[in-house]
PDB file of all heavy atoms in Angstrom:
ATOM      1  N   TYR A   1     -15.351  -1.298  -0.987  1.00  0.00           N
ATOM      2  CA  TYR A   1     -14.082  -1.732  -0.679  1.00  0.00           C
ATOM      3  C   TYR A   1     -13.535  -1.133   0.629  1.00  0.00           C
ATOM      4  O   TYR A   1     -12.326  -1.088   0.932  1.00  0.00           O
ATOM      5  CB  TYR A   1     -13.074  -1.405  -1.721  1.00  0.00           C
ATOM      6  CG  TYR A   1     -13.438  -1.868  -3.122  1.00  0.00           C
ATOM      7  CD1 TYR A   1     -13.508  -1.184  -4.225  1.00  0.00           C
ATOM      8  CD2 TYR A   1     -13.745  -3.315  -3.256  1.00  0.00           C
ATOM      9  CE1 TYR A   1     -13.775  -1.653  -5.460  1.00  0.00           C
ATOM     10  CE2 TYR A   1     -14.089  -3.840  -4.497  1.00  0.00           C
ATOM     11  CZ  TYR A   1     -14.101  -2.974  -5.606  1.00  0.00           C
ATOM     12  OH  TYR A   1     -14.473  -3.477  -6.819  1.00  0.00           O
ATOM     13  N   GLN A   2     -14.506  -0.635   1.491  1.00  0.00           N
ATOM     14  CA  GLN A   2     -14.070  -0.020   2.755  1.00  0.00           C
ATOM     15  C   GLN A   2     -13.131  -0.833   3.642  1.00  0.00           C
ATOM     16  O   GLN A   2     -12.209  -0.358   4.180  1.00  0.00           O
ATOM     17  CB  GLN A   2     -15.338   0.315   3.618  1.00  0.00           C
ATOM     18  CG  GLN A   2     -16.070   1.598   3.140  1.00  0.00           C
ATOM     19  CD  GLN A   2     -17.260   2.007   4.089  1.00  0.00           C
ATOM     20  OE1 GLN A   2     -17.605   1.187   4.934  1.00  0.00           O
ATOM     21  NE2 GLN A   2     -17.772   3.065   3.862  1.00  0.00           N
ATOM     22  N   ASN A   3     -13.438  -2.142   3.735  1.00  0.00           N
ATOM     23  CA  ASN A   3     -12.664  -3.021   4.625  1.00  0.00           C
ATOM     24  C   ASN A   3     -11.627  -3.757   3.920  1.00  0.00           C
ATOM     25  O   ASN A   3     -10.976  -4.703   4.494  1.00  0.00           O
ATOM     26  CB  ASN A   3     -13.677  -3.934   5.361  1.00  0.00           C
ATOM     27  CG  ASN A   3     -14.706  -3.160   6.188  1.00  0.00           C
ATOM     28  OD1 ASN A   3     -14.320  -2.256   6.816  1.00  0.00           O
ATOM     29  ND2 ASN A   3     -15.950  -3.619   6.132  1.00  0.00           N
ATOM     30  N   ASN A   4     -11.420  -3.572   2.617  1.00  0.00           N
ATOM     31  CA  ASN A   4     -10.395  -4.215   1.858  1.00  0.00           C
ATOM     32  C   ASN A   4      -8.929  -3.651   2.106  1.00  0.00           C
ATOM     33  O   ASN A   4      -8.856  -2.501   2.512  1.00  0.00           O
ATOM     34  CB  ASN A   4     -10.636  -4.241   0.370  1.00  0.00           C
ATOM     35  CG  ASN A   4     -11.881  -4.950   0.063  1.00  0.00           C
ATOM     36  OD1 ASN A   4     -12.908  -4.814   0.660  1.00  0.00           O
ATOM     37  ND2 ASN A   4     -11.894  -5.787  -1.061  1.00  0.00           N
ATOM     38  N   LEU A   5      -7.942  -4.432   1.882  1.00  0.00           N
ATOM     39  CA  LEU A   5      -6.582  -4.007   1.971  1.00  0.00           C
ATOM     40  C   LEU A   5      -6.262  -2.978   0.897  1.00  0.00           C
ATOM     41  O   LEU A   5      -6.600  -3.076  -0.231  1.00  0.00           O
ATOM     42  CB  LEU A   5      -5.717  -5.235   1.750  1.00  0.00           C
ATOM     43  CG  LEU A   5      -4.180  -4.893   1.898  1.00  0.00           C
ATOM     44  CD1 LEU A   5      -3.787  -4.701   3.328  1.00  0.00           C
ATOM     45  CD2 LEU A   5      -3.271  -6.008   1.316  1.00  0.00           C
ATOM     46  N   LYS A   6      -5.577  -1.839   1.379  1.00  0.00           N
ATOM     47  CA  LYS A   6      -5.106  -0.765   0.484  1.00  0.00           C
ATOM     48  C   LYS A   6      -3.673  -0.775   0.475  1.00  0.00           C
ATOM     49  O   LYS A   6      -2.988  -1.111   1.475  1.00  0.00           O
ATOM     50  CB  LYS A   6      -5.706   0.527   0.893  1.00  0.00           C
ATOM     51  CG  LYS A   6      -7.144   0.735   0.536  1.00  0.00           C
ATOM     52  CD  LYS A   6      -7.963   0.356   1.715  1.00  0.00           C
ATOM     53  CE  LYS A   6      -9.486   0.595   1.486  1.00  0.00           C
ATOM     54  NZ  LYS A   6     -10.344   0.080   2.577  1.00  0.00           N
ATOM     55  N   TYR A   7      -3.039  -0.330  -0.568  1.00  0.00           N
ATOM     56  CA  TYR A   7      -1.537  -0.286  -0.682  1.00  0.00           C
ATOM     57  C   TYR A   7      -1.118   0.592  -1.808  1.00  0.00           C
ATOM     58  O   TYR A   7      -1.950   1.098  -2.638  1.00  0.00           O
ATOM     59  CB  TYR A   7      -1.011  -1.678  -0.910  1.00  0.00           C
ATOM     60  CG  TYR A   7      -1.495  -2.431  -2.104  1.00  0.00           C
ATOM     61  CD1 TYR A   7      -0.806  -2.451  -3.329  1.00  0.00           C
ATOM     62  CD2 TYR A   7      -2.664  -3.215  -2.059  1.00  0.00           C
ATOM     63  CE1 TYR A   7      -1.315  -3.133  -4.406  1.00  0.00           C
ATOM     64  CE2 TYR A   7      -3.203  -3.871  -3.215  1.00  0.00           C
ATOM     65  CZ  TYR A   7      -2.515  -3.919  -4.222  1.00  0.00           C
ATOM     66  OH  TYR A   7      -2.948  -4.506  -5.389  1.00  0.00           O
ATOM     67  N   ILE A   8       0.158   0.937  -1.822  1.00  0.00           N
ATOM     68  CA  ILE A   8       0.705   1.800  -2.883  1.00  0.00           C
ATOM     69  C   ILE A   8       2.081   1.233  -3.286  1.00  0.00           C
ATOM     70  O   ILE A   8       2.836   0.700  -2.367  1.00  0.00           O
ATOM     71  CB  ILE A   8       0.846   3.224  -2.488  1.00  0.00           C
ATOM     72  CG1 ILE A   8       1.047   4.184  -3.663  1.00  0.00           C
ATOM     73  CG2 ILE A   8       1.896   3.481  -1.420  1.00  0.00           C
ATOM     74  CD1 ILE A   8       0.975   5.663  -3.280  1.00  0.00           C
ATOM     75  N   CYS A   9       2.446   1.332  -4.570  1.00  0.00           N
ATOM     76  CA  CYS A   9       3.672   0.866  -5.046  1.00  0.00           C
ATOM     77  C   CYS A   9       4.179   1.765  -6.111  1.00  0.00           C
ATOM     78  O   CYS A   9       3.483   2.743  -6.630  1.00  0.00           O
ATOM     79  CB  CYS A   9       3.573  -0.596  -5.629  1.00  0.00           C
ATOM     80  SG  CYS A   9       2.637  -0.652  -7.180  1.00  0.00           S
ATOM     81  N   ARG A  10       5.430   1.581  -6.567  1.00  0.00           N
ATOM     82  CA  ARG A  10       5.988   2.430  -7.639  1.00  0.00           C
ATOM     83  C   ARG A  10       5.925   1.625  -9.006  1.00  0.00           C
ATOM     84  O   ARG A  10       5.936   0.394  -8.962  1.00  0.00           O
ATOM     85  CB  ARG A  10       7.432   2.783  -7.345  1.00  0.00           C
ATOM     86  CG  ARG A  10       7.549   3.645  -6.107  1.00  0.00           C
ATOM     87  CD  ARG A  10       8.883   4.376  -6.134  1.00  0.00           C
ATOM     88  NE  ARG A  10       8.974   5.312  -7.256  1.00  0.00           N
ATOM     89  CZ  ARG A  10       9.993   6.194  -7.409  1.00  0.00           C
ATOM     90  NH1 ARG A  10      10.937   6.283  -6.531  1.00  0.00           N
ATOM     91  NH2 ARG A  10       9.989   7.021  -8.477  1.00  0.00           N
ATOM     92  N   GLY A  11       5.851   2.275 -10.108  1.00  0.00           N
ATOM     93  CA  GLY A  11       5.834   1.612 -11.357  1.00  0.00           C
ATOM     94  C   GLY A  11       4.442   1.503 -11.926  1.00  0.00           C
ATOM     95  O   GLY A  11       3.527   2.236 -11.446  1.00  0.00           O
ATOM     96  N   ALA A  12       4.313   0.716 -13.006  1.00  0.00           N
ATOM     97  CA  ALA A  12       3.041   0.708 -13.796  1.00  0.00           C
ATOM     98  C   ALA A  12       2.550  -0.730 -13.991  1.00  0.00           C
ATOM     99  O   ALA A  12       1.652  -0.995 -14.793  1.00  0.00           O
ATOM    100  CB  ALA A  12       3.221   1.416 -15.141  1.00  0.00           C
ATOM    101  N   ARG A  13       3.075  -1.717 -13.182  1.00  0.00           N
ATOM    102  CA  ARG A  13       2.658  -3.098 -13.359  1.00  0.00           C
ATOM    103  C   ARG A  13       1.817  -3.572 -12.224  1.00  0.00           C
ATOM    104  O   ARG A  13       2.290  -3.860 -11.090  1.00  0.00           O
ATOM    105  CB  ARG A  13       3.863  -3.959 -13.501  1.00  0.00           C
ATOM    106  CG  ARG A  13       4.655  -3.698 -14.721  1.00  0.00           C
ATOM    107  CD  ARG A  13       5.782  -4.768 -14.851  1.00  0.00           C
ATOM    108  NE  ARG A  13       5.183  -6.095 -15.023  1.00  0.00           N
ATOM    109  CZ  ARG A  13       5.924  -7.271 -14.922  1.00  0.00           C
ATOM    110  NH1 ARG A  13       7.180  -7.117 -14.579  1.00  0.00           N
ATOM    111  NH2 ARG A  13       5.313  -8.335 -14.995  1.00  0.00           N
ATOM    112  N   PRO A  14       0.411  -3.646 -12.455  1.00  0.00           N
ATOM    113  CA  PRO A  14      -0.461  -4.165 -11.394  1.00  0.00           C
ATOM    114  C   PRO A  14      -0.079  -5.569 -10.892  1.00  0.00           C
ATOM    115  O   PRO A  14      -0.317  -5.839  -9.707  1.00  0.00           O
ATOM    116  CB  PRO A  14      -1.848  -4.154 -12.055  1.00  0.00           C
ATOM    117  CG  PRO A  14      -1.686  -3.116 -13.154  1.00  0.00           C
ATOM    118  CD  PRO A  14      -0.258  -3.274 -13.626  1.00  0.00           C
ATOM    119  N   SER A  15       0.485  -6.385 -11.682  1.00  0.00           N
ATOM    120  CA  SER A  15       0.721  -7.866 -11.304  1.00  0.00           C
ATOM    121  C   SER A  15       1.626  -7.988 -10.177  1.00  0.00           C
ATOM    122  O   SER A  15       1.704  -8.960  -9.474  1.00  0.00           O
ATOM    123  CB  SER A  15       1.223  -8.543 -12.567  1.00  0.00           C
ATOM    124  OG  SER A  15       2.553  -8.088 -13.003  1.00  0.00           O
ATOM    125  N   ILE A  16       2.666  -7.059  -9.971  1.00  0.00           N
ATOM    126  CA  ILE A  16       3.656  -7.080  -8.989  1.00  0.00           C
ATOM    127  C   ILE A  16       3.468  -6.018  -7.946  1.00  0.00           C
ATOM    128  O   ILE A  16       4.346  -5.825  -7.060  1.00  0.00           O
ATOM    129  CB  ILE A  16       5.055  -7.089  -9.588  1.00  0.00           C
ATOM    130  CG1 ILE A  16       5.316  -5.794 -10.399  1.00  0.00           C
ATOM    131  CG2 ILE A  16       5.309  -8.353 -10.460  1.00  0.00           C
ATOM    132  CD1 ILE A  16       6.735  -5.680 -10.910  1.00  0.00           C
ATOM    133  N   CYS A  17       2.489  -5.239  -8.021  1.00  0.00           N
ATOM    134  CA  CYS A  17       2.277  -4.072  -7.163  1.00  0.00           C
ATOM    135  C   CYS A  17       2.203  -4.411  -5.660  1.00  0.00           C
ATOM    136  O   CYS A  17       2.911  -3.785  -4.802  1.00  0.00           O
ATOM    137  CB  CYS A  17       1.137  -3.246  -7.480  1.00  0.00           C
ATOM    138  SG  CYS A  17       0.958  -1.618  -6.769  1.00  0.00           S
ATOM    139  N   LEU A  18       1.358  -5.353  -5.298  1.00  0.00           N
ATOM    140  CA  LEU A  18       1.222  -5.764  -3.892  1.00  0.00           C
ATOM    141  C   LEU A  18       2.494  -6.357  -3.319  1.00  0.00           C
ATOM    142  O   LEU A  18       2.854  -6.017  -2.175  1.00  0.00           O
ATOM    143  CB  LEU A  18       0.066  -6.720  -3.811  1.00  0.00           C
ATOM    144  CG  LEU A  18      -0.275  -7.199  -2.326  1.00  0.00           C
ATOM    145  CD1 LEU A  18      -0.464  -6.026  -1.385  1.00  0.00           C
ATOM    146  CD2 LEU A  18      -1.400  -8.113  -2.412  1.00  0.00           C
ATOM    147  N   GLN A  19       3.200  -7.205  -4.114  1.00  0.00           N
ATOM    148  CA  GLN A  19       4.428  -7.770  -3.704  1.00  0.00           C
ATOM    149  C   GLN A  19       5.525  -6.644  -3.488  1.00  0.00           C
ATOM    150  O   GLN A  19       6.336  -6.840  -2.583  1.00  0.00           O
ATOM    151  CB  GLN A  19       4.999  -8.801  -4.797  1.00  0.00           C
ATOM    152  CG  GLN A  19       4.034 -10.089  -4.813  1.00  0.00           C
ATOM    153  CD  GLN A  19       3.056  -9.947  -5.899  1.00  0.00           C
ATOM    154  OE1 GLN A  19       2.515  -8.760  -6.057  1.00  0.00           O
ATOM    155  NE2 GLN A  19       2.720 -10.950  -6.597  1.00  0.00           N
ATOM    156  N   GLN A  20       5.505  -5.650  -4.185  1.00  0.00           N
ATOM    157  CA  GLN A  20       6.433  -4.558  -4.071  1.00  0.00           C
ATOM    158  C   GLN A  20       5.918  -3.352  -3.414  1.00  0.00           C
ATOM    159  O   GLN A  20       6.384  -2.269  -3.546  1.00  0.00           O
ATOM    160  CB  GLN A  20       7.054  -4.147  -5.452  1.00  0.00           C
ATOM    161  CG  GLN A  20       7.702  -5.403  -6.196  1.00  0.00           C
ATOM    162  CD  GLN A  20       8.331  -5.092  -7.477  1.00  0.00           C
ATOM    163  OE1 GLN A  20       8.127  -3.915  -7.903  1.00  0.00           O
ATOM    164  NE2 GLN A  20       8.953  -5.931  -8.098  1.00  0.00           N
ATOM    165  N   ALA A  21       4.850  -3.446  -2.583  1.00  0.00           N
ATOM    166  CA  ALA A  21       4.237  -2.334  -1.980  1.00  0.00           C
ATOM    167  C   ALA A  21       5.149  -1.566  -1.024  1.00  0.00           C
ATOM    168  O   ALA A  21       5.953  -2.185  -0.222  1.00  0.00           O
ATOM    169  CB  ALA A  21       2.926  -2.809  -1.191  1.00  0.00           C
ATOM    170  N   LEU A  22       5.080  -0.266  -1.129  1.00  0.00           N
ATOM    171  CA  LEU A  22       5.837   0.554  -0.235  1.00  0.00           C
ATOM    172  C   LEU A  22       5.260   0.576   1.215  1.00  0.00           C
ATOM    173  O   LEU A  22       5.962   0.695   2.184  1.00  0.00           O
ATOM    174  CB  LEU A  22       5.914   1.975  -0.776  1.00  0.00           C
ATOM    175  CG  LEU A  22       6.552   2.118  -2.124  1.00  0.00           C
ATOM    176  CD1 LEU A  22       6.290   3.538  -2.690  1.00  0.00           C
ATOM    177  CD2 LEU A  22       8.033   1.889  -2.032  1.00  0.00           C
ATOM    178  N   ILE A  23       3.911   0.481   1.274  1.00  0.00           N
ATOM    179  CA  ILE A  23       3.243   0.504   2.478  1.00  0.00           C
ATOM    180  C   ILE A  23       1.781  -0.040   2.299  1.00  0.00           C
ATOM    181  O   ILE A  23       1.286   0.031   1.111  1.00  0.00           O
ATOM    182  CB  ILE A  23       3.171   1.886   3.130  1.00  0.00           C
ATOM    183  CG1 ILE A  23       2.612   1.842   4.559  1.00  0.00           C
ATOM    184  CG2 ILE A  23       2.366   2.897   2.296  1.00  0.00           C
ATOM    185  CD1 ILE A  23       2.865   3.118   5.299  1.00  0.00           C
ATOM    186  N   THR A  24       1.160  -0.680   3.269  1.00  0.00           N
ATOM    187  CA  THR A  24      -0.204  -1.187   3.129  1.00  0.00           C
ATOM    188  C   THR A  24      -0.992  -0.686   4.331  1.00  0.00           C
ATOM    189  O   THR A  24      -0.489  -0.217   5.348  1.00  0.00           O
ATOM    190  CB  THR A  24      -0.224  -2.715   3.100  1.00  0.00           C
ATOM    191  OG1 THR A  24       0.057  -3.240   4.392  1.00  0.00           O
ATOM    192  CG2 THR A  24       0.857  -3.221   2.069  1.00  0.00           C
ATOM    193  N   SER A  25      -2.315  -0.876   4.267  1.00  0.00           N
ATOM    194  CA  SER A  25      -3.146  -0.496   5.371  1.00  0.00           C
ATOM    195  C   SER A  25      -3.023  -1.453   6.530  1.00  0.00           C
ATOM    196  O   SER A  25      -3.525  -1.145   7.644  1.00  0.00           O
ATOM    197  CB  SER A  25      -4.620  -0.438   4.942  1.00  0.00           C
ATOM    198  OG  SER A  25      -5.099  -1.722   4.303  1.00  0.00           O
ATOM    199  N   ASP A  26      -2.401  -2.579   6.391  1.00  0.00           N
ATOM    200  CA  ASP A  26      -1.994  -3.435   7.546  1.00  0.00           C
ATOM    201  C   ASP A  26      -0.867  -2.949   8.244  1.00  0.00           C
ATOM    202  O   ASP A  26      -0.586  -3.354   9.372  1.00  0.00           O
ATOM    203  CB  ASP A  26      -1.829  -4.924   7.021  1.00  0.00           C
ATOM    204  CG  ASP A  26      -3.156  -5.537   6.664  1.00  0.00           C
ATOM    205  OD1 ASP A  26      -4.247  -5.064   7.015  1.00  0.00           O
ATOM    206  OD2 ASP A  26      -3.125  -6.586   5.972  1.00  0.00           O
ATOM    207  N   ASN A  27      -0.013  -2.191   7.616  1.00  0.00           N
ATOM    208  CA  ASN A  27       1.281  -1.647   8.279  1.00  0.00           C
ATOM    209  C   ASN A  27       1.353  -0.223   7.810  1.00  0.00           C
ATOM    210  O   ASN A  27       1.958   0.199   6.907  1.00  0.00           O
ATOM    211  CB  ASN A  27       2.443  -2.489   7.673  1.00  0.00           C
ATOM    212  CG  ASN A  27       3.718  -1.963   8.283  1.00  0.00           C
ATOM    213  OD1 ASN A  27       3.747  -1.370   9.340  1.00  0.00           O
ATOM    214  ND2 ASN A  27       4.837  -2.116   7.571  1.00  0.00           N
ATOM    215  N   LYS A  28       0.674   0.693   8.686  1.00  0.00           N
ATOM    216  CA  LYS A  28       0.393   1.988   8.238  1.00  0.00           C
ATOM    217  C   LYS A  28       1.588   2.873   8.348  1.00  0.00           C
ATOM    218  O   LYS A  28       1.503   4.058   7.738  1.00  0.00           O
ATOM    219  CB  LYS A  28      -0.633   2.569   9.174  1.00  0.00           C
ATOM    220  CG  LYS A  28      -2.068   1.841   8.977  1.00  0.00           C
ATOM    221  CD  LYS A  28      -3.160   2.567   9.792  1.00  0.00           C
ATOM    222  CE  LYS A  28      -4.409   1.769   9.484  1.00  0.00           C
ATOM    223  NZ  LYS A  28      -5.611   2.453  10.266  1.00  0.00           N
ATOM    224  N   GLU A  29       2.712   2.590   8.872  1.00  0.00           N
ATOM    225  CA  GLU A  29       3.886   3.381   8.828  1.00  0.00           C
ATOM    226  C   GLU A  29       5.097   2.538   8.441  1.00  0.00           C
ATOM    227  O   GLU A  29       5.309   1.371   8.884  1.00  0.00           O
ATOM    228  CB  GLU A  29       4.159   4.046  10.175  1.00  0.00           C
ATOM    229  CG  GLU A  29       3.166   5.080  10.567  1.00  0.00           C
ATOM    230  CD  GLU A  29       3.652   5.941  11.685  1.00  0.00           C
ATOM    231  OE1 GLU A  29       4.819   6.366  11.702  1.00  0.00           O
ATOM    232  OE2 GLU A  29       2.789   6.263  12.586  1.00  0.00           O
ATOM    233  N   ASN A  30       5.910   3.099   7.559  1.00  0.00           N
ATOM    234  CA  ASN A  30       7.105   2.447   7.069  1.00  0.00           C
ATOM    235  C   ASN A  30       8.106   3.530   6.624  1.00  0.00           C
ATOM    236  O   ASN A  30       8.140   4.012   5.478  1.00  0.00           O
ATOM    237  CB  ASN A  30       6.723   1.494   5.870  1.00  0.00           C
ATOM    238  CG  ASN A  30       8.020   0.703   5.346  1.00  0.00           C
ATOM    239  OD1 ASN A  30       8.934   0.587   6.048  1.00  0.00           O
ATOM    240  ND2 ASN A  30       7.967   0.256   4.070  1.00  0.00           N
ATOM    241  N   GLY A  31       8.987   3.794   7.547  1.00  0.00           N
ATOM    242  CA  GLY A  31      10.023   4.791   7.228  1.00  0.00           C
ATOM    243  C   GLY A  31       9.430   6.213   6.854  1.00  0.00           C
ATOM    244  O   GLY A  31       8.765   6.763   7.719  1.00  0.00           O
ATOM    245  N   ARG A  32       9.650   6.640   5.654  1.00  0.00           N
ATOM    246  CA  ARG A  32       9.088   7.946   5.254  1.00  0.00           C
ATOM    247  C   ARG A  32       7.686   7.981   4.895  1.00  0.00           C
ATOM    248  O   ARG A  32       7.081   9.002   4.470  1.00  0.00           O
ATOM    249  CB  ARG A  32       9.974   8.514   4.177  1.00  0.00           C
ATOM    250  CG  ARG A  32      11.478   8.767   4.548  1.00  0.00           C
ATOM    251  CD  ARG A  32      12.178   9.357   3.429  1.00  0.00           C
ATOM    252  NE  ARG A  32      12.255   8.508   2.132  1.00  0.00           N
ATOM    253  CZ  ARG A  32      11.829   8.923   0.983  1.00  0.00           C
ATOM    254  NH1 ARG A  32      11.374  10.152   0.874  1.00  0.00           N
ATOM    255  NH2 ARG A  32      11.901   8.115   0.003  1.00  0.00           N
ATOM    256  N   PHE A  33       7.011   6.740   4.844  1.00  0.00           N
ATOM    257  CA  PHE A  33       5.715   6.612   4.280  1.00  0.00           C
ATOM    258  C   PHE A  33       4.776   6.338   5.442  1.00  0.00           C
ATOM    259  O   PHE A  33       4.924   5.579   6.431  1.00  0.00           O
ATOM    260  CB  PHE A  33       5.613   5.466   3.323  1.00  0.00           C
ATOM    261  CG  PHE A  33       6.534   5.552   2.107  1.00  0.00           C
ATOM    262  CD1 PHE A  33       7.875   5.267   2.164  1.00  0.00           C
ATOM    263  CD2 PHE A  33       6.080   6.144   0.931  1.00  0.00           C
ATOM    264  CE1 PHE A  33       8.714   5.390   1.102  1.00  0.00           C
ATOM    265  CE2 PHE A  33       6.852   6.297  -0.197  1.00  0.00           C
ATOM    266  CZ  PHE A  33       8.197   5.957  -0.097  1.00  0.00           C
ATOM    267  N   ARG A  34       3.544   6.986   5.249  1.00  0.00           N
ATOM    268  CA  ARG A  34       2.430   6.756   6.249  1.00  0.00           C
ATOM    269  C   ARG A  34       1.131   6.649   5.495  1.00  0.00           C
ATOM    270  O   ARG A  34       0.899   7.551   4.546  1.00  0.00           O
ATOM    271  CB  ARG A  34       2.341   7.888   7.248  1.00  0.00           C
ATOM    272  CG  ARG A  34       1.143   7.716   8.201  1.00  0.00           C
ATOM    273  CD  ARG A  34       0.986   8.864   9.297  1.00  0.00           C
ATOM    274  NE  ARG A  34      -0.173   8.689   9.956  1.00  0.00           N
ATOM    275  CZ  ARG A  34      -0.340   7.906  11.084  1.00  0.00           C
ATOM    276  NH1 ARG A  34       0.709   7.191  11.505  1.00  0.00           N
ATOM    277  NH2 ARG A  34      -1.448   7.827  11.738  1.00  0.00           N
ATOM    278  N   LEU A  35       0.316   5.611   5.685  1.00  0.00           N
ATOM    279  CA  LEU A  35      -1.018   5.443   5.061  1.00  0.00           C
ATOM    280  C   LEU A  35      -2.113   5.623   6.107  1.00  0.00           C
ATOM    281  O   LEU A  35      -2.160   5.103   7.138  1.00  0.00           O
ATOM    282  CB  LEU A  35      -1.009   3.989   4.478  1.00  0.00           C
ATOM    283  CG  LEU A  35      -2.253   3.803   3.540  1.00  0.00           C
ATOM    284  CD1 LEU A  35      -1.882   2.736   2.466  1.00  0.00           C
ATOM    285  CD2 LEU A  35      -3.439   3.213   4.373  1.00  0.00           C
ATOM    286  N   ASP A  36      -3.055   6.512   5.681  1.00  0.00           N
ATOM    287  CA  ASP A  36      -4.285   6.680   6.428  1.00  0.00           C
ATOM    288  C   ASP A  36      -5.435   6.436   5.586  1.00  0.00           C
ATOM    289  O   ASP A  36      -5.558   6.879   4.494  1.00  0.00           O
ATOM    290  CB  ASP A  36      -4.348   8.167   7.049  1.00  0.00           C
ATOM    291  CG  ASP A  36      -3.209   8.378   8.021  1.00  0.00           C
ATOM    292  OD1 ASP A  36      -3.345   7.901   9.104  1.00  0.00           O
ATOM    293  OD2 ASP A  36      -2.294   9.161   7.606  1.00  0.00           O
ATOM    294  N   ASP A  37      -6.458   5.683   6.157  1.00  0.00           N
ATOM    295  CA  ASP A  37      -7.673   5.347   5.411  1.00  0.00           C
ATOM    296  C   ASP A  37      -8.896   5.997   6.008  1.00  0.00           C
ATOM    297  O   ASP A  37      -9.332   5.709   7.168  1.00  0.00           O
ATOM    298  CB  ASP A  37      -7.852   3.721   5.443  1.00  0.00           C
ATOM    299  CG  ASP A  37      -8.974   3.383   4.563  1.00  0.00           C
ATOM    300  OD1 ASP A  37      -9.568   4.060   3.806  1.00  0.00           O
ATOM    301  OD2 ASP A  37      -9.310   2.134   4.606  1.00  0.00           O
ATOM    302  N   ASP A  38      -9.457   6.936   5.235  1.00  0.00           N
ATOM    303  CA  ASP A  38     -10.655   7.652   5.630  1.00  0.00           C
ATOM    304  C   ASP A  38     -11.886   6.877   4.980  1.00  0.00           C
ATOM    305  O   ASP A  38     -12.254   7.193   3.884  1.00  0.00           O
ATOM    306  CB  ASP A  38     -10.692   9.083   5.198  1.00  0.00           C
ATOM    307  CG  ASP A  38     -11.810   9.878   5.689  1.00  0.00           C
ATOM    308  OD1 ASP A  38     -12.878   9.194   6.197  1.00  0.00           O
ATOM    309  OD2 ASP A  38     -11.841  11.091   5.692  1.00  0.00           O
TER     310      ASP A  38
END
């Protein structure tokens, strides 16, 4: 999954996680959040 989209969300429901993502690897900075992919 090296080249796949990564993201993080709050809560425990996978079905809505991407729609409610706090930040994704396509948008690496969002306010207080920063995503880095090694």
